Amino acid sequence: MIPLVYAGKEEEQVIKKIGGSDEVKRHLEELGFTVGGTVTIINSLGGNIIVKVKESRIAIDEGMARKIMV
Protein backbone atom coordinates (compact mmCIF):
# COMPACT_ATOMS: atom_id res chain seq x y z
CA MET A 1 0.00 0.00 0.00
CA ILE A 2 1.44 3.36 -1.08
CA PRO A 3 0.13 6.95 -1.18
CA LEU A 4 -1.51 7.88 -4.48
CA VAL A 5 1.15 10.53 -5.06
CA TYR A 6 3.74 7.74 -5.63
CA ALA A 7 1.60 5.63 -7.99
CA GLY A 8 2.55 5.36 -11.64
CA LYS A 9 0.97 7.60 -14.26
CA GLU A 10 -1.90 6.17 -16.29
CA GLU A 11 -2.05 2.97 -14.20
CA GLU A 12 -5.46 2.19 -12.73
CA GLN A 13 -5.17 1.80 -8.96
CA VAL A 14 -7.65 0.49 -6.38
CA ILE A 15 -8.19 2.75 -3.35
CA LYS A 16 -7.42 0.73 -0.22
CA LYS A 17 -7.61 3.36 2.52
CA ILE A 18 -8.33 7.06 2.96
CA GLY A 19 -6.63 8.89 5.83
CA GLY A 20 -7.05 12.27 7.43
CA SER A 21 -9.70 13.88 9.58
CA ASP A 22 -13.39 13.03 9.23
CA GLU A 23 -13.87 16.29 7.31
CA VAL A 24 -11.11 15.41 4.81
CA LYS A 25 -12.47 11.88 4.36
CA ARG A 26 -15.98 13.23 3.75
CA HIS A 27 -14.67 15.78 1.21
CA LEU A 28 -12.73 13.12 -0.71
CA GLU A 29 -15.75 10.82 -0.66
CA GLU A 30 -17.90 13.62 -2.11
CA LEU A 31 -15.36 13.94 -4.93
CA GLY A 32 -15.72 10.21 -5.66
CA PHE A 33 -12.75 8.75 -3.80
CA THR A 34 -14.13 5.67 -2.03
CA VAL A 35 -12.42 2.57 -0.65
CA GLY A 36 -12.62 -0.14 -3.30
CA GLY A 37 -13.03 2.40 -6.10
CA THR A 38 -10.47 2.97 -8.83
CA VAL A 39 -8.34 6.02 -9.56
CA THR A 40 -5.85 6.80 -12.33
CA ILE A 41 -3.21 9.56 -12.32
CA ILE A 42 -3.50 11.51 -15.57
CA ASN A 43 -0.84 14.16 -14.96
CA SER A 44 1.14 15.95 -12.26
CA LEU A 45 1.60 19.72 -12.47
CA GLY A 46 3.47 21.81 -9.91
CA GLY A 47 2.38 19.92 -6.81
CA ASN A 48 -1.14 19.30 -8.10
CA ILE A 49 -2.25 15.94 -9.43
CA ILE A 50 -4.94 15.42 -12.05
CA VAL A 51 -6.71 12.11 -11.54
CA LYS A 52 -9.54 10.23 -13.19
CA VAL A 53 -12.09 8.91 -10.74
CA LYS A 54 -15.58 7.65 -11.67
CA GLU A 55 -15.23 8.91 -15.27
CA SER A 56 -14.39 12.45 -14.07
CA ARG A 57 -11.11 14.33 -14.03
CA ILE A 58 -10.31 16.01 -10.74
CA ALA A 59 -7.32 18.09 -9.63
CA ILE A 60 -6.15 17.55 -6.05
CA ASP A 61 -3.10 18.86 -4.26
CA GLU A 62 -0.21 16.66 -3.21
CA GLY A 63 -1.26 16.77 0.46
CA MET A 64 -4.65 15.25 -0.37
CA ALA A 65 -3.06 12.67 -2.66
CA ARG A 66 -0.85 11.54 0.24
CA LYS A 67 -3.98 10.69 2.25
CA ILE A 68 -5.28 8.31 -0.44
CA MET A 69 -3.63 4.89 -0.15
CA VAL A 70 -3.62 2.53 -3.14
PDB file of N, CA and C in Angstrom:
ATOM      1  N   MET A   1       0.847  -1.172   0.000  1.00  0.00           N
ATOM      2  CA  MET A   1       0.000   0.000   0.000  1.00  0.00           C
ATOM      3  C   MET A   1       0.899   1.244   0.000  1.00  0.00           C
ATOM      4  N   ILE A   2       0.650   2.137  -0.961  1.00  0.00           N
ATOM      5  CA  ILE A   2       1.440   3.363  -1.075  1.00  0.00           C
ATOM      6  C   ILE A   2       0.494   4.554  -1.254  1.00  0.00           C
ATOM      7  N   PRO A   3       0.957   5.766  -0.915  1.00  0.00           N
ATOM      8  CA  PRO A   3       0.133   6.950  -1.177  1.00  0.00           C
ATOM      9  C   PRO A   3      -0.054   7.144  -2.684  1.00  0.00           C
ATOM     10  N   LEU A   4      -1.190   7.663  -3.075  1.00  0.00           N
ATOM     11  CA  LEU A   4      -1.506   7.877  -4.483  1.00  0.00           C
ATOM     12  C   LEU A   4      -0.440   8.709  -5.186  1.00  0.00           C
ATOM     13  N   VAL A   5       0.158   9.638  -4.467  1.00  0.00           N
ATOM     14  CA  VAL A   5       1.147  10.532  -5.063  1.00  0.00           C
ATOM     15  C   VAL A   5       2.342   9.754  -5.648  1.00  0.00           C
ATOM     16  N   TYR A   6       2.608   8.544  -5.155  1.00  0.00           N
ATOM     17  CA  TYR A   6       3.736   7.743  -5.635  1.00  0.00           C
ATOM     18  C   TYR A   6       3.334   6.694  -6.670  1.00  0.00           C
ATOM     19  N   ALA A   7       2.059   6.613  -7.004  1.00  0.00           N
ATOM     20  CA  ALA A   7       1.597   5.630  -7.993  1.00  0.00           C
ATOM     21  C   ALA A   7       2.041   6.054  -9.391  1.00  0.00           C
ATOM     22  N   GLY A   8       2.141   5.087 -10.267  1.00  0.00           N
ATOM     23  CA  GLY A   8       2.550   5.363 -11.640  1.00  0.00           C
ATOM     24  C   GLY A   8       1.474   6.065 -12.435  1.00  0.00           C
ATOM     25  N   LYS A   9       1.908   6.880 -13.381  1.00  0.00           N
ATOM     26  CA  LYS A   9       0.974   7.600 -14.259  1.00  0.00           C
ATOM     27  C   LYS A   9       0.230   6.615 -15.147  1.00  0.00           C
ATOM     28  N   GLU A  10      -1.038   6.918 -15.373  1.00  0.00           N
ATOM     29  CA  GLU A  10      -1.895   6.172 -16.294  1.00  0.00           C
ATOM     30  C   GLU A  10      -2.020   4.694 -15.951  1.00  0.00           C
ATOM     31  N   GLU A  11      -1.816   4.335 -14.679  1.00  0.00           N
ATOM     32  CA  GLU A  11      -2.046   2.974 -14.197  1.00  0.00           C
ATOM     33  C   GLU A  11      -3.251   3.012 -13.270  1.00  0.00           C
ATOM     34  N   GLU A  12      -4.264   2.216 -13.573  1.00  0.00           N
ATOM     35  CA  GLU A  12      -5.455   2.190 -12.728  1.00  0.00           C
ATOM     36  C   GLU A  12      -5.101   1.564 -11.379  1.00  0.00           C
ATOM     37  N   GLN A  13      -5.457   2.249 -10.315  1.00  0.00           N
ATOM     38  CA  GLN A  13      -5.165   1.799  -8.957  1.00  0.00           C
ATOM     39  C   GLN A  13      -6.474   1.634  -8.182  1.00  0.00           C
ATOM     40  N   VAL A  14      -6.489   0.683  -7.247  1.00  0.00           N
ATOM     41  CA  VAL A  14      -7.650   0.493  -6.379  1.00  0.00           C
ATOM     42  C   VAL A  14      -7.383   1.208  -5.059  1.00  0.00           C
ATOM     43  N   ILE A  15      -8.331   2.015  -4.612  1.00  0.00           N
ATOM     44  CA  ILE A  15      -8.189   2.747  -3.352  1.00  0.00           C
ATOM     45  C   ILE A  15      -8.382   1.767  -2.198  1.00  0.00           C
ATOM     46  N   LYS A  16      -7.373   1.674  -1.325  1.00  0.00           N
ATOM     47  CA  LYS A  16      -7.415   0.730  -0.215  1.00  0.00           C
ATOM     48  C   LYS A  16      -7.768   1.399   1.113  1.00  0.00           C
ATOM     49  N   LYS A  17      -7.377   2.671   1.262  1.00  0.00           N
ATOM     50  CA  LYS A  17      -7.612   3.365   2.524  1.00  0.00           C
ATOM     51  C   LYS A  17      -7.568   4.866   2.270  1.00  0.00           C
ATOM     52  N   ILE A  18      -8.362   5.603   3.037  1.00  0.00           N
ATOM     53  CA  ILE A  18      -8.332   7.062   2.960  1.00  0.00           C
ATOM     54  C   ILE A  18      -8.075   7.581   4.364  1.00  0.00           C
ATOM     55  N   GLY A  19      -7.006   8.353   4.518  1.00  0.00           N
ATOM     56  CA  GLY A  19      -6.626   8.885   5.826  1.00  0.00           C
ATOM     57  C   GLY A  19      -7.077  10.322   6.005  1.00  0.00           C
ATOM     58  N   GLY A  20      -6.712  10.881   7.144  1.00  0.00           N
ATOM     59  CA  GLY A  20      -7.049  12.272   7.429  1.00  0.00           C
ATOM     60  C   GLY A  20      -8.204  12.383   8.398  1.00  0.00           C
ATOM     61  N   SER A  21      -8.593  13.615   8.660  1.00  0.00           N
ATOM     62  CA  SER A  21      -9.702  13.883   9.583  1.00  0.00           C
ATOM     63  C   SER A  21     -11.021  13.449   8.943  1.00  0.00           C
ATOM     64  N   ASP A  22     -12.070  13.398   9.748  1.00  0.00           N
ATOM     65  CA  ASP A  22     -13.388  13.035   9.226  1.00  0.00           C
ATOM     66  C   ASP A  22     -13.831  13.998   8.132  1.00  0.00           C
ATOM     67  N   GLU A  23     -13.501  15.271   8.301  1.00  0.00           N
ATOM     68  CA  GLU A  23     -13.871  16.286   7.310  1.00  0.00           C
ATOM     69  C   GLU A  23     -13.167  16.029   5.977  1.00  0.00           C
ATOM     70  N   VAL A  24     -11.881  15.696   6.026  1.00  0.00           N
ATOM     71  CA  VAL A  24     -11.108  15.409   4.806  1.00  0.00           C
ATOM     72  C   VAL A  24     -11.651  14.156   4.130  1.00  0.00           C
ATOM     73  N   LYS A  25     -11.928  13.119   4.918  1.00  0.00           N
ATOM     74  CA  LYS A  25     -12.469  11.879   4.358  1.00  0.00           C
ATOM     75  C   LYS A  25     -13.807  12.132   3.667  1.00  0.00           C
ATOM     76  N   ARG A  26     -14.661  12.927   4.310  1.00  0.00           N
ATOM     77  CA  ARG A  26     -15.977  13.232   3.748  1.00  0.00           C
ATOM     78  C   ARG A  26     -15.825  14.015   2.439  1.00  0.00           C
ATOM     79  N   HIS A  27     -14.910  14.975   2.417  1.00  0.00           N
ATOM     80  CA  HIS A  27     -14.671  15.776   1.209  1.00  0.00           C
ATOM     81  C   HIS A  27     -14.188  14.885   0.058  1.00  0.00           C
ATOM     82  N   LEU A  28     -13.238  14.012   0.335  1.00  0.00           N
ATOM     83  CA  LEU A  28     -12.725  13.122  -0.705  1.00  0.00           C
ATOM     84  C   LEU A  28     -13.819  12.173  -1.194  1.00  0.00           C
ATOM     85  N   GLU A  29     -14.652  11.700  -0.270  1.00  0.00           N
ATOM     86  CA  GLU A  29     -15.751  10.815  -0.656  1.00  0.00           C
ATOM     87  C   GLU A  29     -16.740  11.547  -1.568  1.00  0.00           C
ATOM     88  N   GLU A  30     -17.000  12.818  -1.274  1.00  0.00           N
ATOM     89  CA  GLU A  30     -17.900  13.621  -2.111  1.00  0.00           C
ATOM     90  C   GLU A  30     -17.327  13.813  -3.519  1.00  0.00           C
ATOM     91  N   LEU A  31     -16.005  13.821  -3.626  1.00  0.00           N
ATOM     92  CA  LEU A  31     -15.355  13.942  -4.934  1.00  0.00           C
ATOM     93  C   LEU A  31     -15.341  12.615  -5.693  1.00  0.00           C
ATOM     94  N   GLY A  32     -15.669  11.512  -5.004  1.00  0.00           N
ATOM     95  CA  GLY A  32     -15.718  10.210  -5.662  1.00  0.00           C
ATOM     96  C   GLY A  32     -14.656   9.230  -5.214  1.00  0.00           C
ATOM     97  N   PHE A  33     -13.803   9.632  -4.288  1.00  0.00           N
ATOM     98  CA  PHE A  33     -12.748   8.748  -3.796  1.00  0.00           C
ATOM     99  C   PHE A  33     -13.325   7.861  -2.693  1.00  0.00           C
ATOM    100  N   THR A  34     -13.593   6.599  -3.006  1.00  0.00           N
ATOM    101  CA  THR A  34     -14.135   5.668  -2.025  1.00  0.00           C
ATOM    102  C   THR A  34     -13.277   4.409  -1.982  1.00  0.00           C
ATOM    103  N   VAL A  35     -13.183   3.806  -0.809  1.00  0.00           N
ATOM    104  CA  VAL A  35     -12.425   2.567  -0.647  1.00  0.00           C
ATOM    105  C   VAL A  35     -13.031   1.513  -1.568  1.00  0.00           C
ATOM    106  N   GLY A  36     -12.166   0.853  -2.331  1.00  0.00           N
ATOM    107  CA  GLY A  36     -12.619  -0.145  -3.298  1.00  0.00           C
ATOM    108  C   GLY A  36     -12.814   0.423  -4.688  1.00  0.00           C
ATOM    109  N   GLY A  37     -12.890   1.750  -4.797  1.00  0.00           N
ATOM    110  CA  GLY A  37     -13.029   2.398  -6.097  1.00  0.00           C
ATOM    111  C   GLY A  37     -11.687   2.486  -6.813  1.00  0.00           C
ATOM    112  N   THR A  38     -11.715   2.866  -8.066  1.00  0.00           N
ATOM    113  CA  THR A  38     -10.467   2.972  -8.827  1.00  0.00           C
ATOM    114  C   THR A  38     -10.144   4.432  -9.109  1.00  0.00           C
ATOM    115  N   VAL A  39      -8.847   4.682  -9.272  1.00  0.00           N
ATOM    116  CA  VAL A  39      -8.343   6.021  -9.565  1.00  0.00           C
ATOM    117  C   VAL A  39      -7.124   5.874 -10.471  1.00  0.00           C
ATOM    118  N   THR A  40      -6.978   6.806 -11.405  1.00  0.00           N
ATOM    119  CA  THR A  40      -5.848   6.801 -12.335  1.00  0.00           C
ATOM    120  C   THR A  40      -5.234   8.188 -12.364  1.00  0.00           C
ATOM    121  N   ILE A  41      -3.904   8.271 -12.203  1.00  0.00           N
ATOM    122  CA  ILE A  41      -3.213   9.555 -12.320  1.00  0.00           C
ATOM    123  C   ILE A  41      -3.079   9.887 -13.806  1.00  0.00           C
ATOM    124  N   ILE A  42      -3.594  11.054 -14.181  1.00  0.00           N
ATOM    125  CA  ILE A  42      -3.503  11.509 -15.568  1.00  0.00           C
ATOM    126  C   ILE A  42      -2.242  12.345 -15.762  1.00  0.00           C
ATOM    127  N   ASN A  43      -1.996  13.278 -14.831  1.00  0.00           N
ATOM    128  CA  ASN A  43      -0.843  14.164 -14.958  1.00  0.00           C
ATOM    129  C   ASN A  43      -0.515  14.768 -13.599  1.00  0.00           C
ATOM    130  N   SER A  44       0.695  15.283 -13.485  1.00  0.00           N
ATOM    131  CA  SER A  44       1.144  15.948 -12.265  1.00  0.00           C
ATOM    132  C   SER A  44       1.734  17.293 -12.659  1.00  0.00           C
ATOM    133  N   LEU A  45       1.171  18.376 -12.095  1.00  0.00           N
ATOM    134  CA  LEU A  45       1.603  19.718 -12.465  1.00  0.00           C
ATOM    135  C   LEU A  45       1.875  20.556 -11.231  1.00  0.00           C
ATOM    136  N   GLY A  46       3.104  20.901 -10.981  1.00  0.00           N
ATOM    137  CA  GLY A  46       3.472  21.815  -9.905  1.00  0.00           C
ATOM    138  C   GLY A  46       2.869  21.522  -8.546  1.00  0.00           C
ATOM    139  N   GLY A  47       2.912  20.275  -8.122  1.00  0.00           N
ATOM    140  CA  GLY A  47       2.379  19.917  -6.813  1.00  0.00           C
ATOM    141  C   GLY A  47       0.918  19.508  -6.838  1.00  0.00           C
ATOM    142  N   ASN A  48       0.233  19.744  -7.947  1.00  0.00           N
ATOM    143  CA  ASN A  48      -1.143  19.298  -8.098  1.00  0.00           C
ATOM    144  C   ASN A  48      -1.174  18.047  -8.962  1.00  0.00           C
ATOM    145  N   ILE A  49      -2.141  17.189  -8.689  1.00  0.00           N
ATOM    146  CA  ILE A  49      -2.247  15.939  -9.426  1.00  0.00           C
ATOM    147  C   ILE A  49      -3.632  15.885 -10.066  1.00  0.00           C
ATOM    148  N   ILE A  50      -3.665  15.581 -11.348  1.00  0.00           N
ATOM    149  CA  ILE A  50      -4.936  15.422 -12.047  1.00  0.00           C
ATOM    150  C   ILE A  50      -5.211  13.925 -12.120  1.00  0.00           C
ATOM    151  N   VAL A  51      -6.361  13.526 -11.587  1.00  0.00           N
ATOM    152  CA  VAL A  51      -6.714  12.113 -11.540  1.00  0.00           C
ATOM    153  C   VAL A  51      -8.053  11.879 -12.221  1.00  0.00           C
ATOM    154  N   LYS A  52      -8.247  10.645 -12.649  1.00  0.00           N
ATOM    155  CA  LYS A  52      -9.536  10.226 -13.192  1.00  0.00           C
ATOM    156  C   LYS A  52     -10.170   9.322 -12.153  1.00  0.00           C
ATOM    157  N   VAL A  53     -11.347   9.709 -11.705  1.00  0.00           N
ATOM    158  CA  VAL A  53     -12.092   8.911 -10.735  1.00  0.00           C
ATOM    159  C   VAL A  53     -13.564   8.938 -11.146  1.00  0.00           C
ATOM    160  N   LYS A  54     -14.173   7.772 -11.262  1.00  0.00           N
ATOM    161  CA  LYS A  54     -15.578   7.648 -11.673  1.00  0.00           C
ATOM    162  C   LYS A  54     -15.875   8.443 -12.943  1.00  0.00           C
ATOM    163  N   GLU A  55     -15.048   8.264 -13.968  1.00  0.00           N
ATOM    164  CA  GLU A  55     -15.231   8.909 -15.271  1.00  0.00           C
ATOM    165  C   GLU A  55     -15.140  10.434 -15.242  1.00  0.00           C
ATOM    166  N   SER A  56     -14.605  11.007 -14.168  1.00  0.00           N
ATOM    167  CA  SER A  56     -14.395  12.449 -14.071  1.00  0.00           C
ATOM    168  C   SER A  56     -12.919  12.733 -13.850  1.00  0.00           C
ATOM    169  N   ARG A  57     -12.486  13.883 -14.312  1.00  0.00           N
ATOM    170  CA  ARG A  57     -11.114  14.329 -14.034  1.00  0.00           C
ATOM    171  C   ARG A  57     -11.166  15.356 -12.922  1.00  0.00           C
ATOM    172  N   ILE A  58     -10.320  15.146 -11.920  1.00  0.00           N
ATOM    173  CA  ILE A  58     -10.311  16.014 -10.744  1.00  0.00           C
ATOM    174  C   ILE A  58      -8.872  16.383 -10.434  1.00  0.00           C
ATOM    175  N   ALA A  59      -8.647  17.645 -10.062  1.00  0.00           N
ATOM    176  CA  ALA A  59      -7.315  18.086  -9.630  1.00  0.00           C
ATOM    177  C   ALA A  59      -7.313  18.146  -8.102  1.00  0.00           C
ATOM    178  N   ILE A  60      -6.318  17.490  -7.495  1.00  0.00           N
ATOM    179  CA  ILE A  60      -6.146  17.547  -6.045  1.00  0.00           C
ATOM    180  C   ILE A  60      -4.706  17.924  -5.753  1.00  0.00           C
ATOM    181  N   ASP A  61      -4.473  18.508  -4.589  1.00  0.00           N
ATOM    182  CA  ASP A  61      -3.099  18.861  -4.259  1.00  0.00           C
ATOM    183  C   ASP A  61      -2.358  17.646  -3.708  1.00  0.00           C
ATOM    184  N   GLU A  62      -1.057  17.770  -3.634  1.00  0.00           N
ATOM    185  CA  GLU A  62      -0.207  16.663  -3.212  1.00  0.00           C
ATOM    186  C   GLU A  62      -0.545  16.193  -1.800  1.00  0.00           C
ATOM    187  N   GLY A  63      -0.900  17.123  -0.916  1.00  0.00           N
ATOM    188  CA  GLY A  63      -1.262  16.765   0.455  1.00  0.00           C
ATOM    189  C   GLY A  63      -2.459  15.833   0.504  1.00  0.00           C
ATOM    190  N   MET A  64      -3.461  16.125  -0.300  1.00  0.00           N
ATOM    191  CA  MET A  64      -4.648  15.255  -0.370  1.00  0.00           C
ATOM    192  C   MET A  64      -4.283  13.903  -0.971  1.00  0.00           C
ATOM    193  N   ALA A  65      -3.451  13.924  -2.003  1.00  0.00           N
ATOM    194  CA  ALA A  65      -3.056  12.674  -2.659  1.00  0.00           C
ATOM    195  C   ALA A  65      -2.282  11.759  -1.714  1.00  0.00           C
ATOM    196  N   ARG A  66      -1.584  12.339  -0.753  1.00  0.00           N
ATOM    197  CA  ARG A  66      -0.845  11.539   0.236  1.00  0.00           C
ATOM    198  C   ARG A  66      -1.786  10.826   1.212  1.00  0.00           C
ATOM    199  N   LYS A  67      -3.012  11.300   1.340  1.00  0.00           N
ATOM    200  CA  LYS A  67      -3.980  10.693   2.250  1.00  0.00           C
ATOM    201  C   LYS A  67      -4.714   9.520   1.607  1.00  0.00           C
ATOM    202  N   ILE A  68      -4.595   9.378   0.293  1.00  0.00           N
ATOM    203  CA  ILE A  68      -5.278   8.307  -0.442  1.00  0.00           C
ATOM    204  C   ILE A  68      -4.270   7.177  -0.657  1.00  0.00           C
ATOM    205  N   MET A  69      -4.533   6.032  -0.044  1.00  0.00           N
ATOM    206  CA  MET A  69      -3.625   4.893  -0.154  1.00  0.00           C
ATOM    207  C   MET A  69      -4.143   3.906  -1.206  1.00  0.00           C
ATOM    208  N   VAL A  70      -3.243   3.483  -2.080  1.00  0.00           N
ATOM    209  CA  VAL A  70      -3.616   2.528  -3.141  1.00  0.00           C
ATOM    210  C   VAL A  70      -2.747   1.289  -3.054  1.00  0.00           C
TER     211      VAL A  70
END
